[in-house]
Amino acid sequence: MDYFKNAGAEPASQPQTPVKVSENFDEVYLHNDEQGQPLYGFTVRGHTITQFHTYPSFQWQDVQLPQLDLSNDPWAIQHRDVLAAMAEQNGHFTAEFRPTAQPNPVRDAMSSDEWLQNYANGGLTVAKGCFAGYRNLRLKVPTDYSVKLADGCFDQHAKVELVLPNNVDVKCLEYSYATDQERGSEKWLLLAHRDFHYNRVQQDPDRFAVYATHNYQRRDRETQIFVSHLPQRKLTTCTVQPYQLLTEIKVDDWFAPQNKSVYLQNPTRER
């Protein structure tokens, strides 16, 4: 889309159409300034943020990741639920670690290990190359579920400050597997509850897999990531047919109350 500019590039012209929803993707999230002009946006396919876009009025303000409402999604495990799953596996399941009250037949039928594995894979994923070309970012991530930062989602030499909820930190996940036909490995960063640890060896007749969780430590030739924390906020929603309009109301000093993020959502969304 020509009306989005890359970091450091001069825009060819002021965008004529601020939002375009087509068959190529499901959702576009926009963040506007006080005058209603678009500053930046995200392209989202299912549960994956594929690209970050900036507009001519963007002056390197803080960037806020879209907060999808995944409370009814059985594979998006919330922070409170993952604590309950870990407590059950450790034999310390008490009322203090009860899962969320909202029932979900698919999620409720899963084992605690499946909850942990789904949480380790992220309720939301930031895809490889999403922030390509941006060397300095301050990214706010106010979600109540885990967020997977795919390897290569930031430039190798970028400096990124992640502003997270108070109970969330950065974890490093390593996954390796072997079958009769192939073997492979993958690693990613996970924005997860600070108490989350998932170390699991799975073995069955035709597959061997290992999950390992570590506290994040930067390695050479990797993105420089720094962490700070922010208070929580509230959400209000209203429905505008045929799209849903979501307005994020900021209730703390990190956000100006008049600044709002909006998105157009295709009703035929797929995971």
C-alpha atoms as a PDB file:
ATOM      1  CA  MET A   1       0.000   0.000   0.000  1.00  0.00           C
ATOM      2  CA  ASP A   2       1.692   3.142  -1.236  1.00  0.00           C
ATOM      3  CA  TYR A   3       0.226   5.506   1.320  1.00  0.00           C
ATOM      4  CA  PHE A   4       2.191   3.954   4.172  1.00  0.00           C
ATOM      5  CA  LYS A   5       5.742   5.255   4.531  1.00  0.00           C
ATOM      6  CA  ASN A   6       8.810   3.431   5.822  1.00  0.00           C
ATOM      7  CA  ALA A   7      11.000   4.792   8.570  1.00  0.00           C
ATOM      8  CA  GLY A   8      13.192   7.572   7.293  1.00  0.00           C
ATOM      9  CA  ALA A   9      11.467   7.786   3.921  1.00  0.00           C
ATOM     10  CA  GLU A  10       9.673  10.888   2.683  1.00  0.00           C
ATOM     11  CA  PRO A  11       6.000  10.277   1.895  1.00  0.00           C
ATOM     12  CA  ALA A  12       5.014  10.652  -1.750  1.00  0.00           C
ATOM     13  CA  SER A  13       1.741  12.328  -0.836  1.00  0.00           C
ATOM     14  CA  GLN A  14      -0.816  12.656   1.928  1.00  0.00           C
ATOM     15  CA  PRO A  15      -2.882   9.441   2.103  1.00  0.00           C
ATOM     16  CA  GLN A  16      -6.211   9.727   0.356  1.00  0.00           C
ATOM     17  CA  THR A  17      -7.821   6.721   2.043  1.00  0.00           C
ATOM     18  CA  PRO A  18      -6.673   6.144   5.645  1.00  0.00           C
ATOM     19  CA  VAL A  19      -8.116   2.624   5.926  1.00  0.00           C
ATOM     20  CA  LYS A  20      -8.392  -0.041   3.274  1.00  0.00           C
ATOM     21  CA  VAL A  21      -9.950  -3.415   4.054  1.00  0.00           C
ATOM     22  CA  SER A  22      -9.583  -6.005   1.310  1.00  0.00           C
ATOM     23  CA  GLU A  23      -9.576  -9.742   0.800  1.00  0.00           C
ATOM     24  CA  ASN A  24      -5.816  -9.768   1.418  1.00  0.00           C
ATOM     25  CA  PHE A  25      -6.159  -9.264   5.171  1.00  0.00           C
ATOM     26  CA  ASP A  26      -8.827  -9.257   7.851  1.00  0.00           C
ATOM     27  CA  GLU A  27      -8.204  -6.207  10.023  1.00  0.00           C
ATOM     28  CA  VAL A  28      -6.487  -2.825  10.008  1.00  0.00           C
ATOM     29  CA  TYR A  29      -5.871  -1.080  13.316  1.00  0.00           C
ATOM     30  CA  LEU A  30      -5.244   2.676  13.311  1.00  0.00           C
ATOM     31  CA  HIS A  31      -4.059   5.065  15.988  1.00  0.00           C
ATOM     32  CA  ASN A  32      -5.043   8.693  15.394  1.00  0.00           C
ATOM     33  CA  ASP A  33      -3.803  11.978  16.807  1.00  0.00           C
ATOM     34  CA  GLU A  34      -5.967  14.525  18.631  1.00  0.00           C
ATOM     35  CA  GLN A  35      -7.196  15.932  15.312  1.00  0.00           C
ATOM     36  CA  GLY A  36      -8.235  12.514  14.068  1.00  0.00           C
ATOM     37  CA  GLN A  37      -5.344  12.163  11.616  1.00  0.00           C
ATOM     38  CA  PRO A  38      -3.816   8.660  11.388  1.00  0.00           C
ATOM     39  CA  LEU A  39      -0.390   8.278  12.967  1.00  0.00           C
ATOM     40  CA  TYR A  40       0.270   4.577  12.506  1.00  0.00           C
ATOM     41  CA  GLY A  41      -1.496   1.313  11.904  1.00  0.00           C
ATOM     42  CA  PHE A  42      -1.156  -2.451  12.013  1.00  0.00           C
ATOM     43  CA  THR A  43      -2.204  -5.152   9.588  1.00  0.00           C
ATOM     44  CA  VAL A  44      -3.567  -8.182  11.444  1.00  0.00           C
ATOM     45  CA  ARG A  45      -4.324 -11.598   9.982  1.00  0.00           C
ATOM     46  CA  GLY A  46      -6.138 -13.781  12.472  1.00  0.00           C
ATOM     47  CA  HIS A  47      -4.016 -13.687  15.622  1.00  0.00           C
ATOM     48  CA  THR A  48      -0.883 -12.423  13.874  1.00  0.00           C
ATOM     49  CA  ILE A  49       0.285  -8.835  13.454  1.00  0.00           C
ATOM     50  CA  THR A  50       2.021  -8.925  10.095  1.00  0.00           C
ATOM     51  CA  GLN A  51       3.061  -5.307   9.451  1.00  0.00           C
ATOM     52  CA  PHE A  52       3.475  -1.955  11.163  1.00  0.00           C
ATOM     53  CA  HIS A  53       2.619   1.106   9.032  1.00  0.00           C
ATOM     54  CA  THR A  54       3.327   4.789   9.632  1.00  0.00           C
ATOM     55  CA  TYR A  55       1.673   7.870   8.156  1.00  0.00           C
ATOM     56  CA  PRO A  56       3.238  11.264   7.310  1.00  0.00           C
ATOM     57  CA  SER A  57       2.068  12.789  10.625  1.00  0.00           C
ATOM     58  CA  PHE A  58       3.948  10.160  12.668  1.00  0.00           C
ATOM     59  CA  GLN A  59       6.799  11.809  14.590  1.00  0.00           C
ATOM     60  CA  TRP A  60       8.153   8.799  16.495  1.00  0.00           C
ATOM     61  CA  GLN A  61       5.546   8.913  19.217  1.00  0.00           C
ATOM     62  CA  ASP A  62       5.043   5.898  21.452  1.00  0.00           C
ATOM     63  CA  VAL A  63       3.479   2.951  19.641  1.00  0.00           C
ATOM     64  CA  GLN A  64       0.737   0.858  21.209  1.00  0.00           C
ATOM     65  CA  LEU A  65       0.132  -2.719  20.092  1.00  0.00           C
ATOM     66  CA  PRO A  66      -3.527  -3.546  19.315  1.00  0.00           C
ATOM     67  CA  GLN A  67      -5.313  -5.228  22.197  1.00  0.00           C
ATOM     68  CA  LEU A  68      -7.572  -7.904  20.743  1.00  0.00           C
ATOM     69  CA  ASP A  69     -10.436  -9.174  22.873  1.00  0.00           C
ATOM     70  CA  LEU A  70      -9.549 -12.872  23.014  1.00  0.00           C
ATOM     71  CA  SER A  71     -11.531 -13.720  26.156  1.00  0.00           C
ATOM     72  CA  ASN A  72     -13.704 -16.213  24.222  1.00  0.00           C
ATOM     73  CA  ASP A  73     -10.835 -17.736  22.255  1.00  0.00           C
ATOM     74  CA  PRO A  74      -9.981 -21.178  23.689  1.00  0.00           C
ATOM     75  CA  TRP A  75      -6.348 -21.018  22.539  1.00  0.00           C
ATOM     76  CA  ALA A  76      -5.616 -17.576  24.004  1.00  0.00           C
ATOM     77  CA  ILE A  77      -4.870 -18.391  27.639  1.00  0.00           C
ATOM     78  CA  GLN A  78      -4.998 -15.420  29.990  1.00  0.00           C
ATOM     79  CA  HIS A  79      -2.343 -14.702  32.618  1.00  0.00           C
ATOM     80  CA  ARG A  80      -4.652 -15.746  35.461  1.00  0.00           C
ATOM     81  CA  ASP A  81      -5.464 -19.036  33.735  1.00  0.00           C
ATOM     82  CA  VAL A  82      -1.839 -19.969  33.191  1.00  0.00           C
ATOM     83  CA  LEU A  83      -1.147 -19.472  36.916  1.00  0.00           C
ATOM     84  CA  ALA A  84      -3.999 -21.889  37.652  1.00  0.00           C
ATOM     85  CA  ALA A  85      -2.566 -24.408  35.183  1.00  0.00           C
ATOM     86  CA  MET A  86       0.904 -24.223  36.753  1.00  0.00           C
ATOM     87  CA  ALA A  87      -0.580 -24.556  40.244  1.00  0.00           C
ATOM     88  CA  GLU A  88      -2.465 -27.677  39.186  1.00  0.00           C
ATOM     89  CA  GLN A  89       0.646 -29.283  37.726  1.00  0.00           C
ATOM     90  CA  ASN A  90       2.628 -28.463  40.846  1.00  0.00           C
ATOM     91  CA  GLY A  91      -0.049 -29.921  43.111  1.00  0.00           C
ATOM     92  CA  HIS A  92      -0.864 -26.558  44.722  1.00  0.00           C
ATOM     93  CA  PHE A  93      -4.252 -25.866  43.159  1.00  0.00           C
ATOM     94  CA  THR A  94      -6.187 -23.692  45.610  1.00  0.00           C
ATOM     95  CA  ALA A  95      -8.887 -21.019  45.464  1.00  0.00           C
ATOM     96  CA  GLU A  96      -6.118 -18.452  45.108  1.00  0.00           C
ATOM     97  CA  PHE A  97      -5.310 -19.853  41.664  1.00  0.00           C
ATOM     98  CA  ARG A  98      -8.791 -20.339  40.282  1.00  0.00           C
ATOM     99  CA  PRO A  99      -9.101 -19.818  36.506  1.00  0.00           C
ATOM    100  CA  THR A 100     -11.270 -17.097  35.040  1.00  0.00           C
ATOM    101  CA  ALA A 101     -14.974 -17.512  35.658  1.00  0.00           C
ATOM    102  CA  GLN A 102     -16.030 -17.240  31.999  1.00  0.00           C
ATOM    103  CA  PRO A 103     -16.673 -20.798  30.724  1.00  0.00           C
ATOM    104  CA  ASN A 104     -15.487 -22.018  27.337  1.00  0.00           C
ATOM    105  CA  PRO A 105     -16.316 -25.634  26.384  1.00  0.00           C
ATOM    106  CA  VAL A 106     -13.248 -26.114  24.164  1.00  0.00           C
ATOM    107  CA  ARG A 107     -10.795 -24.554  26.598  1.00  0.00           C
ATOM    108  CA  ASP A 108     -12.375 -26.262  29.609  1.00  0.00           C
ATOM    109  CA  ALA A 109     -11.869 -29.654  27.947  1.00  0.00           C
ATOM    110  CA  MET A 110      -8.119 -29.066  27.598  1.00  0.00           C
ATOM    111  CA  SER A 111      -5.579 -30.384  30.065  1.00  0.00           C
ATOM    112  CA  SER A 112      -3.466 -28.011  32.128  1.00  0.00           C
ATOM    113  CA  ASP A 113      -0.476 -28.942  29.948  1.00  0.00           C
ATOM    114  CA  GLU A 114      -2.384 -27.887  26.834  1.00  0.00           C
ATOM    115  CA  TRP A 115      -3.136 -24.557  28.514  1.00  0.00           C
ATOM    116  CA  LEU A 116       0.570 -24.059  29.208  1.00  0.00           C
ATOM    117  CA  GLN A 117       1.587 -25.058  25.690  1.00  0.00           C
ATOM    118  CA  ASN A 118      -0.962 -22.716  24.088  1.00  0.00           C
ATOM    119  CA  TYR A 119       0.182 -19.910  26.370  1.00  0.00           C
ATOM    120  CA  ALA A 120       3.811 -20.599  25.400  1.00  0.00           C
ATOM    121  CA  ASN A 121       2.861 -20.217  21.731  1.00  0.00           C
ATOM    122  CA  GLY A 122       1.229 -16.828  22.364  1.00  0.00           C
ATOM    123  CA  GLY A 123      -2.355 -15.645  22.170  1.00  0.00           C
ATOM    124  CA  LEU A 124      -1.106 -12.982  19.745  1.00  0.00           C
ATOM    125  CA  THR A 125       1.948 -13.163  17.462  1.00  0.00           C
ATOM    126  CA  VAL A 126       4.106 -10.339  16.094  1.00  0.00           C
ATOM    127  CA  ALA A 127       5.388 -11.784  12.820  1.00  0.00           C
ATOM    128  CA  LYS A 128       8.924 -11.793  11.474  1.00  0.00           C
ATOM    129  CA  GLY A 129       9.672  -8.497   9.715  1.00  0.00           C
ATOM    130  CA  CYS A 130       6.707  -6.680  11.266  1.00  0.00           C
ATOM    131  CA  PHE A 131       8.867  -3.738  12.410  1.00  0.00           C
ATOM    132  CA  ALA A 132      11.458  -3.963   9.633  1.00  0.00           C
ATOM    133  CA  GLY A 133      13.217  -0.633   9.045  1.00  0.00           C
ATOM    134  CA  TYR A 134      12.488   0.849  12.481  1.00  0.00           C
ATOM    135  CA  ARG A 135      15.598   1.219  14.621  1.00  0.00           C
ATOM    136  CA  ASN A 136      14.156   2.956  17.711  1.00  0.00           C
ATOM    137  CA  LEU A 137      10.782   2.022  19.172  1.00  0.00           C
ATOM    138  CA  ARG A 138       8.883   2.444  22.419  1.00  0.00           C
ATOM    139  CA  LEU A 139       6.172  -0.196  22.236  1.00  0.00           C
ATOM    140  CA  LYS A 140       3.323  -0.475  24.735  1.00  0.00           C
ATOM    141  CA  VAL A 141       1.746  -3.921  25.074  1.00  0.00           C
ATOM    142  CA  PRO A 142      -1.257  -3.758  27.467  1.00  0.00           C
ATOM    143  CA  THR A 143      -2.645  -7.289  27.011  1.00  0.00           C
ATOM    144  CA  ASP A 144      -3.967  -9.855  29.505  1.00  0.00           C
ATOM    145  CA  TYR A 145      -2.638 -12.802  27.462  1.00  0.00           C
ATOM    146  CA  SER A 146       0.802 -13.784  26.208  1.00  0.00           C
ATOM    147  CA  VAL A 147       2.328 -12.189  23.091  1.00  0.00           C
ATOM    148  CA  LYS A 148       4.797 -14.057  20.913  1.00  0.00           C
ATOM    149  CA  LEU A 149       7.581 -11.979  19.367  1.00  0.00           C
ATOM    150  CA  ALA A 150       8.693 -14.082  16.426  1.00  0.00           C
ATOM    151  CA  ASP A 151      12.410 -14.244  15.787  1.00  0.00           C
ATOM    152  CA  GLY A 152      13.202 -11.324  13.469  1.00  0.00           C
ATOM    153  CA  CYS A 153      10.089  -9.247  14.181  1.00  0.00           C
ATOM    154  CA  PHE A 154      12.463  -6.355  15.052  1.00  0.00           C
ATOM    155  CA  ASP A 155      15.574  -5.360  13.145  1.00  0.00           C
ATOM    156  CA  GLN A 156      18.740  -6.970  14.452  1.00  0.00           C
ATOM    157  CA  HIS A 157      20.327  -3.644  15.468  1.00  0.00           C
ATOM    158  CA  ALA A 158      17.141  -1.971  16.699  1.00  0.00           C
ATOM    159  CA  LYS A 159      16.666  -0.552  20.187  1.00  0.00           C
ATOM    160  CA  VAL A 160      13.220  -1.387  21.574  1.00  0.00           C
ATOM    161  CA  GLU A 161      11.677  -0.388  24.889  1.00  0.00           C
ATOM    162  CA  LEU A 162       8.745  -2.636  25.794  1.00  0.00           C
ATOM    163  CA  VAL A 163       6.237  -1.046  28.173  1.00  0.00           C
ATOM    164  CA  LEU A 164       4.376  -3.944  29.783  1.00  0.00           C
ATOM    165  CA  PRO A 165       1.768  -4.571  32.493  1.00  0.00           C
ATOM    166  CA  ASN A 166       3.287  -4.799  35.968  1.00  0.00           C
ATOM    167  CA  ASN A 167       3.063  -8.597  36.131  1.00  0.00           C
ATOM    168  CA  VAL A 168       4.554  -9.258  32.661  1.00  0.00           C
ATOM    169  CA  ASP A 169       8.174  -9.764  31.642  1.00  0.00           C
ATOM    170  CA  VAL A 170      10.085 -11.111  28.640  1.00  0.00           C
ATOM    171  CA  LYS A 171      10.718 -14.848  28.421  1.00  0.00           C
ATOM    172  CA  CYS A 172      12.779 -16.787  25.903  1.00  0.00           C
ATOM    173  CA  LEU A 173      11.117 -19.934  24.500  1.00  0.00           C
ATOM    174  CA  GLU A 174      13.076 -22.652  22.747  1.00  0.00           C
ATOM    175  CA  TYR A 175      11.236 -25.430  20.930  1.00  0.00           C
ATOM    176  CA  SER A 176      12.784 -28.428  19.202  1.00  0.00           C
ATOM    177  CA  TYR A 177      11.210 -31.536  17.707  1.00  0.00           C
ATOM    178  CA  ALA A 178      12.076 -34.709  15.822  1.00  0.00           C
ATOM    179  CA  THR A 179      10.021 -37.165  13.766  1.00  0.00           C
ATOM    180  CA  ASP A 180      10.890 -39.979  11.393  1.00  0.00           C
ATOM    181  CA  GLN A 181      10.699 -37.532   8.493  1.00  0.00           C
ATOM    182  CA  GLU A 182      12.229 -34.336   9.865  1.00  0.00           C
ATOM    183  CA  ARG A 183      13.630 -32.440  12.787  1.00  0.00           C
ATOM    184  CA  GLY A 184      13.887 -28.770  13.580  1.00  0.00           C
ATOM    185  CA  SER A 185      14.037 -26.060  16.201  1.00  0.00           C
ATOM    186  CA  GLU A 186      12.634 -22.605  16.767  1.00  0.00           C
ATOM    187  CA  LYS A 187      13.045 -19.843  19.320  1.00  0.00           C
ATOM    188  CA  TRP A 188      11.005 -16.775  20.128  1.00  0.00           C
ATOM    189  CA  LEU A 189      10.488 -14.188  22.842  1.00  0.00           C
ATOM    190  CA  LEU A 190       7.275 -14.312  24.835  1.00  0.00           C
ATOM    191  CA  LEU A 191       5.694 -11.449  26.756  1.00  0.00           C
ATOM    192  CA  ALA A 192       4.318 -13.527  29.593  1.00  0.00           C
ATOM    193  CA  HIS A 193       3.492 -13.471  33.290  1.00  0.00           C
ATOM    194  CA  ARG A 194       6.705 -13.117  35.247  1.00  0.00           C
ATOM    195  CA  ASP A 195       6.012 -16.417  37.058  1.00  0.00           C
ATOM    196  CA  PHE A 196       5.509 -18.417  33.853  1.00  0.00           C
ATOM    197  CA  HIS A 197       7.898 -21.308  33.264  1.00  0.00           C
ATOM    198  CA  TYR A 198       7.224 -24.181  30.879  1.00  0.00           C
ATOM    199  CA  ASN A 199       9.818 -26.899  30.516  1.00  0.00           C
ATOM    200  CA  ARG A 200       8.372 -29.993  28.958  1.00  0.00           C
ATOM    201  CA  VAL A 201       9.545 -33.097  27.128  1.00  0.00           C
ATOM    202  CA  GLN A 202       6.862 -34.792  25.045  1.00  0.00           C
ATOM    203  CA  GLN A 203       7.445 -38.196  23.573  1.00  0.00           C
ATOM    204  CA  ASP A 204       5.122 -40.500  21.668  1.00  0.00           C
ATOM    205  CA  PRO A 205       5.699 -43.248  19.070  1.00  0.00           C
ATOM    206  CA  ASP A 206       6.118 -40.859  16.123  1.00  0.00           C
ATOM    207  CA  ARG A 207       7.229 -37.546  17.639  1.00  0.00           C
ATOM    208  CA  PHE A 208       9.649 -36.097  20.175  1.00  0.00           C
ATOM    209  CA  ALA A 209       9.340 -32.464  21.281  1.00  0.00           C
ATOM    210  CA  VAL A 210      10.957 -30.257  23.915  1.00  0.00           C
ATOM    211  CA  TYR A 211       9.805 -26.869  25.258  1.00  0.00           C
ATOM    212  CA  ALA A 212      12.230 -24.851  27.379  1.00  0.00           C
ATOM    213  CA  THR A 213      11.532 -21.459  29.000  1.00  0.00           C
ATOM    214  CA  HIS A 214      14.239 -19.074  30.216  1.00  0.00           C
ATOM    215  CA  ASN A 215      14.278 -15.555  31.548  1.00  0.00           C
ATOM    216  CA  TYR A 216      15.326 -13.230  28.738  1.00  0.00           C
ATOM    217  CA  GLN A 217      18.985 -12.303  28.409  1.00  0.00           C
ATOM    218  CA  ARG A 218      20.186 -10.441  25.359  1.00  0.00           C
ATOM    219  CA  ARG A 219      22.754 -12.156  23.178  1.00  0.00           C
ATOM    220  CA  ASP A 220      25.292 -10.605  20.831  1.00  0.00           C
ATOM    221  CA  ARG A 221      23.990  -9.432  17.456  1.00  0.00           C
ATOM    222  CA  GLU A 222      20.400  -9.362  18.737  1.00  0.00           C
ATOM    223  CA  THR A 223      17.881  -6.570  19.133  1.00  0.00           C
ATOM    224  CA  GLN A 224      18.462  -4.458  22.249  1.00  0.00           C
ATOM    225  CA  ILE A 225      15.311  -4.851  24.330  1.00  0.00           C
ATOM    226  CA  PHE A 226      14.583  -2.876  27.494  1.00  0.00           C
ATOM    227  CA  VAL A 227      11.547  -3.319  29.747  1.00  0.00           C
ATOM    228  CA  SER A 228       9.477  -0.854  31.747  1.00  0.00           C
ATOM    229  CA  HIS A 229       5.978  -1.226  33.160  1.00  0.00           C
ATOM    230  CA  LEU A 230       2.672   0.604  33.019  1.00  0.00           C
ATOM    231  CA  PRO A 231      -0.700   0.464  34.791  1.00  0.00           C
ATOM    232  CA  GLN A 232      -3.716  -1.299  33.332  1.00  0.00           C
ATOM    233  CA  ARG A 233      -6.526   0.331  31.373  1.00  0.00           C
ATOM    234  CA  LYS A 234     -10.161  -0.285  30.484  1.00  0.00           C
ATOM    235  CA  LEU A 235     -11.963  -1.109  27.263  1.00  0.00           C
ATOM    236  CA  THR A 236     -15.348  -0.031  25.976  1.00  0.00           C
ATOM    237  CA  THR A 237     -16.932  -1.292  22.771  1.00  0.00           C
ATOM    238  CA  CYS A 238     -19.794  -0.401  20.515  1.00  0.00           C
ATOM    239  CA  THR A 239     -21.017  -2.094  17.347  1.00  0.00           C
ATOM    240  CA  VAL A 240     -21.349  -0.391  13.993  1.00  0.00           C
ATOM    241  CA  GLN A 241     -22.618  -2.677  11.227  1.00  0.00           C
ATOM    242  CA  PRO A 242     -21.107  -4.316   9.300  1.00  0.00           C
ATOM    243  CA  TYR A 243     -17.901  -3.621  11.227  1.00  0.00           C
ATOM    244  CA  GLN A 244     -17.180  -3.468  14.919  1.00  0.00           C
ATOM    245  CA  LEU A 245     -15.731  -0.194  16.192  1.00  0.00           C
ATOM    246  CA  LEU A 246     -13.516  -0.580  19.256  1.00  0.00           C
ATOM    247  CA  THR A 247     -12.421   2.475  21.246  1.00  0.00           C
ATOM    248  CA  GLU A 248      -9.638   2.159  23.774  1.00  0.00           C
ATOM    249  CA  ILE A 249     -10.106   4.562  26.676  1.00  0.00           C
ATOM    250  CA  LYS A 250      -6.892   5.378  28.479  1.00  0.00           C
ATOM    251  CA  VAL A 251      -7.290   5.751  32.228  1.00  0.00           C
ATOM    252  CA  ASP A 252      -3.768   6.433  33.371  1.00  0.00           C
ATOM    253  CA  ASP A 253      -1.034   8.990  32.890  1.00  0.00           C
ATOM    254  CA  TRP A 254       0.599   7.041  30.055  1.00  0.00           C
ATOM    255  CA  PHE A 255      -2.201   7.909  27.650  1.00  0.00           C
ATOM    256  CA  ALA A 256      -3.945  11.160  26.768  1.00  0.00           C
ATOM    257  CA  PRO A 257      -7.708  10.546  27.242  1.00  0.00           C
ATOM    258  CA  GLN A 258      -8.552  12.181  23.938  1.00  0.00           C
ATOM    259  CA  ASN A 259      -6.306   9.844  21.931  1.00  0.00           C
ATOM    260  CA  LYS A 260      -8.165   6.788  20.709  1.00  0.00           C
ATOM    261  CA  SER A 261      -7.262   3.727  18.674  1.00  0.00           C
ATOM    262  CA  VAL A 262      -9.856   2.390  16.278  1.00  0.00           C
ATOM    263  CA  TYR A 263     -10.016  -0.503  13.887  1.00  0.00           C
ATOM    264  CA  LEU A 264     -12.253  -1.894  11.180  1.00  0.00           C
ATOM    265  CA  GLN A 265     -12.867  -5.584  11.565  1.00  0.00           C
ATOM    266  CA  ASN A 266     -13.909  -7.932   8.800  1.00  0.00           C
ATOM    267  CA  PRO A 267     -16.763 -10.100  10.163  1.00  0.00           C
ATOM    268  CA  THR A 268     -15.299 -13.198   8.456  1.00  0.00           C
ATOM    269  CA  ARG A 269     -12.241 -13.331  10.688  1.00  0.00           C
ATOM    270  CA  GLU A 270     -10.239 -16.556  10.861  1.00  0.00           C
ATOM    271  CA  ARG A 271      -7.683 -17.647  13.377  1.00  0.00           C
END
